Protein backbone atom coordinates (compact mmCIF):
# COMPACT_ATOMS: atom_id res chain seq x y z
CA UNK A 1 112.90 85.51 2.92
CA UNK A 2 112.15 84.61 -0.70
CA UNK A 3 109.24 86.35 -2.37
CA UNK A 4 106.45 83.85 -3.00
CA UNK A 5 104.25 86.24 -4.99
CA UNK A 6 103.46 84.81 -8.42
CA UNK A 7 105.30 86.35 -11.36
CA UNK A 8 102.35 85.97 -13.74
CA UNK A 9 98.87 86.80 -12.55
CA UNK A 10 95.57 87.84 -14.00
CA UNK A 11 94.08 91.31 -13.85
CA UNK A 12 92.22 90.31 -10.67
CA UNK A 13 94.59 88.29 -8.45
CA UNK A 14 92.13 88.32 -5.54
CA UNK A 15 89.34 86.92 -7.71
CA UNK A 16 85.84 88.10 -6.84
CA UNK A 17 87.22 89.97 -3.80
CA UNK A 18 89.03 92.39 -6.12
CA UNK A 19 85.73 94.29 -6.24
CA UNK A 20 86.61 95.59 -2.76
CA UNK A 21 90.32 96.24 -3.37
CA UNK A 22 89.85 100.00 -3.74
CA UNK A 23 91.67 100.06 -7.10
CA UNK A 24 88.58 101.37 -8.86
CA UNK A 25 88.07 98.30 -11.06
CA UNK A 26 85.56 95.51 -10.69
CA UNK A 27 85.72 92.01 -12.16
CA UNK A 28 82.86 90.30 -13.96
CA UNK A 29 81.99 87.47 -11.56
CA UNK A 30 80.36 84.19 -12.60
CA UNK A 31 78.59 81.89 -10.14
CA UNK A 32 76.45 78.74 -10.31
CA UNK A 33 73.07 79.02 -8.58
CA UNK A 34 70.89 76.13 -7.36
CA UNK A 35 67.34 75.65 -8.75
CA UNK A 36 65.94 77.72 -5.85
CA UNK A 37 67.42 80.76 -7.59
CA UNK A 38 69.25 81.97 -4.47
CA UNK A 39 71.76 79.45 -3.12
CA UNK A 40 75.23 79.30 -4.66
CA UNK A 41 76.48 75.80 -5.44
CA UNK A 42 80.08 76.99 -5.26
CA UNK A 43 81.94 77.58 -1.98
CA UNK A 44 81.87 81.14 -0.64
CA UNK A 45 85.51 81.77 -1.51
CA UNK A 46 85.32 80.22 -4.98
CA UNK A 47 83.78 82.21 -7.84
CA UNK A 48 84.88 82.34 -11.46
CA UNK A 49 86.63 85.54 -12.52
CA UNK A 50 88.08 85.92 -16.01
CA UNK A 51 91.81 86.47 -16.54
CA UNK A 52 90.88 89.94 -17.81
CA UNK A 53 87.49 91.61 -18.07
CA UNK A 54 85.64 91.36 -21.41
CA UNK A 55 86.45 94.00 -24.01
CA UNK A 56 82.73 94.72 -24.18
CA UNK A 57 79.55 93.45 -22.56
CA UNK A 58 76.31 94.43 -24.31
CA UNK A 59 72.92 94.20 -22.62
CA UNK A 60 70.17 93.87 -25.20
CA UNK A 61 66.49 94.50 -24.45
CA UNK A 62 63.67 94.07 -26.93
CA UNK A 63 59.90 94.35 -27.15
CA UNK A 64 57.66 91.81 -28.85
CA UNK A 65 55.60 93.73 -31.37
CA UNK A 66 53.47 92.17 -34.10
CA UNK A 67 52.45 94.36 -37.05
CA UNK A 68 49.65 93.28 -39.39
CA UNK A 69 48.79 95.14 -42.57
CA UNK A 70 45.09 95.74 -43.19
CA UNK A 71 43.20 97.64 -45.88
CA UNK A 72 43.08 100.74 -43.69
CA UNK A 73 46.68 100.57 -42.47
CA UNK A 74 48.84 98.67 -40.01
CA UNK A 75 47.60 97.18 -36.74
CA UNK A 76 50.17 96.80 -33.96
CA UNK A 77 49.92 94.35 -31.09
CA UNK A 78 52.32 94.72 -28.16
CA UNK A 79 53.12 91.59 -26.14
CA UNK A 80 55.53 93.02 -23.59
CA UNK A 81 59.23 92.34 -23.21
CA UNK A 82 61.11 89.86 -25.37
CA UNK A 83 64.16 87.81 -24.52
CA UNK A 84 66.96 89.76 -22.87
CA UNK A 85 70.53 88.83 -23.81
CA UNK A 86 74.11 89.60 -22.82
CA UNK A 87 76.78 89.56 -25.51
CA UNK A 88 80.43 89.25 -24.46
CA UNK A 89 83.45 90.16 -26.56
CA UNK A 90 86.50 88.77 -24.77
CA UNK A 91 90.13 87.76 -25.12
CA UNK A 92 92.40 85.50 -23.15
CA UNK A 93 95.53 86.85 -21.56
CA UNK A 94 98.81 86.29 -23.35
CA UNK A 95 100.10 82.70 -23.20
CA UNK A 96 103.17 83.57 -21.14
CA UNK A 97 105.60 81.03 -19.72
CA UNK A 98 108.39 81.53 -17.22
CA UNK A 99 111.86 81.75 -18.81
CA UNK A 100 110.51 81.37 -22.35
CA UNK A 101 108.07 84.31 -22.52
CA UNK A 102 105.11 84.31 -24.90
CA UNK A 103 104.41 80.81 -26.16
CA UNK A 104 102.56 79.75 -29.30
CA UNK A 105 103.90 76.17 -29.08
CA UNK A 106 101.28 73.49 -29.61
CA UNK A 107 103.60 70.48 -29.84
CA UNK A 108 104.47 68.81 -26.50
CA UNK A 109 107.78 67.61 -28.01
CA UNK A 110 109.14 71.14 -28.33
CA UNK A 111 111.41 72.47 -25.59
CA UNK A 112 110.11 75.17 -23.27
CA UNK A 113 106.62 73.75 -22.86
CA UNK A 114 103.42 74.60 -24.66
CA UNK A 115 100.83 77.35 -24.36
CA UNK A 116 98.54 74.91 -22.55
CA UNK A 117 100.80 75.19 -19.50
CA UNK A 118 100.10 78.87 -18.90
CA UNK A 119 97.85 80.79 -16.53
CA UNK A 120 95.98 82.41 -19.41
CA UNK A 121 95.19 79.05 -21.03
CA UNK A 122 93.95 77.63 -17.71
CA UNK A 123 91.64 80.63 -17.32
CA UNK A 124 90.35 80.05 -20.85
CA UNK A 125 89.53 76.43 -19.97
CA UNK A 126 87.57 77.66 -16.93
CA UNK A 127 85.21 79.84 -19.00
CA UNK A 128 84.91 77.07 -21.62
CA UNK A 129 83.89 74.58 -18.91
CA UNK A 130 81.35 77.09 -17.57
CA UNK A 131 79.76 77.26 -21.03
CA UNK A 132 79.75 73.46 -21.50
CA UNK A 133 78.19 72.72 -18.09
CA UNK A 134 75.88 75.76 -18.28
CA UNK A 135 74.68 75.43 -14.69
CA UNK A 136 74.35 71.63 -14.75
CA UNK A 137 75.80 69.36 -12.08
CA UNK A 138 76.52 65.78 -13.19
CA UNK A 139 76.63 62.52 -11.25
CA UNK A 140 79.36 59.89 -11.60
CA UNK A 141 77.44 58.29 -14.49
CA UNK A 142 77.54 61.53 -16.47
CA UNK A 143 73.82 62.24 -16.05
CA UNK A 144 72.48 65.64 -15.01
CA UNK A 145 71.77 65.39 -11.28
CA UNK A 146 70.87 69.03 -10.75
CA UNK A 147 70.10 71.83 -13.20
CA UNK A 148 71.09 75.20 -11.85
CA UNK A 149 71.64 78.49 -13.61
CA UNK A 150 74.57 80.82 -14.23
CA UNK A 151 74.77 84.10 -12.33
CA UNK A 152 76.68 87.05 -13.81
CA UNK A 153 77.50 90.02 -11.56
CA UNK A 154 79.07 93.30 -12.60
CA UNK A 155 78.83 96.81 -11.13
CA UNK A 156 75.59 96.29 -9.25
CA UNK A 157 73.87 94.39 -12.05
CA UNK A 158 73.00 90.73 -11.50
CA UNK A 159 71.85 88.51 -14.37
CA UNK A 160 70.58 84.93 -14.13
CA UNK A 161 70.36 82.62 -17.13
CA UNK A 162 72.28 80.35 -19.47
CA UNK A 163 74.80 80.57 -22.28
CA UNK A 164 73.45 80.03 -25.79
CA UNK A 165 76.67 80.31 -27.83
CA UNK A 166 80.43 80.44 -27.39
CA UNK A 167 82.96 81.15 -30.14
CA UNK A 168 86.75 80.80 -30.03
CA UNK A 169 88.86 82.50 -32.70
CA UNK A 170 92.57 81.89 -33.27
CA UNK A 171 94.32 83.94 -35.93
CA UNK A 172 97.83 83.90 -37.38
CA UNK A 173 98.46 87.53 -36.44
CA UNK A 174 97.65 86.80 -32.77
CA UNK A 175 99.25 83.41 -32.05
CA UNK A 176 99.69 84.09 -28.35
CA UNK A 177 96.01 84.49 -27.36
CA UNK A 178 92.46 83.59 -28.34
CA UNK A 179 89.62 86.00 -28.98
CA UNK A 180 86.28 84.84 -27.59
CA UNK A 181 82.65 85.79 -27.96
CA UNK A 182 79.61 84.47 -26.11
CA UNK A 183 75.87 85.07 -25.88
CA UNK A 184 73.93 84.69 -22.65
CA UNK A 185 70.14 84.47 -22.42
CA UNK A 186 68.82 86.26 -19.34
CA UNK A 187 66.00 84.65 -17.39
CA UNK A 188 65.86 87.38 -14.72
CA UNK A 189 67.75 90.52 -13.78
CA UNK A 190 68.37 92.36 -10.51
CA UNK A 191 69.63 95.94 -10.59
CA UNK A 192 70.94 97.86 -7.57
CA UNK A 193 70.47 101.62 -7.83
CA UNK A 194 72.71 103.93 -5.83
CA UNK A 195 72.89 107.69 -5.34
CA UNK A 196 75.74 109.74 -3.91
CA UNK A 197 73.63 112.79 -2.98
CA UNK A 198 70.84 113.41 -0.51
CA UNK A 199 67.67 114.66 -2.16
CA UNK A 200 65.24 116.86 -0.28
CA UNK A 201 61.69 115.69 0.17
CA UNK A 202 59.56 117.63 -2.34
CA UNK A 203 56.53 117.27 -0.03
CA UNK A 204 58.32 118.83 2.94
CA UNK A 205 57.69 122.48 3.86
CA UNK A 206 61.06 122.74 5.63
CA UNK A 207 63.64 124.81 3.71
């Protein structure tokens, strides 16, 4: 029988389920959550996974501190936690086409097809659409019918919020892929803490 496995595939061919593949790698998973903050708008078997994981993902925390200079020195006022952000540094996969290899073609009149007809470019359009919609669901008139939020999951950390910026860079020395960067403002965060050892109860008298 012929082999129907795709020749070109992303780093996570099983999508969000690659987290349970046993290969020791986990994808960064994006989801769209309804206004109730719990229900996913997307079907259970449909979550957005990047072609490859980001090069880096920075979680930034900050405190709101106001310092006022007086005659006798500085007075500090602490107002708790500031806005939490996620910063992504990403890249698309290589724009690879069957039979022609890496493609930097942008003209549809050229033979061999263009880079737009590649798996990596399609994956890039997915993350771009996620940024543009930013958790919004539109009706047929183009009006926002429901405003949800974006959910980002990676390695036990869950972040809810919205994108604030998205940058696409194309350079002459890398004509076969885009480099991307994005900022994500976190409304709330859920962390799952795990331990691999059993700790004894310090209040127990049993040795």
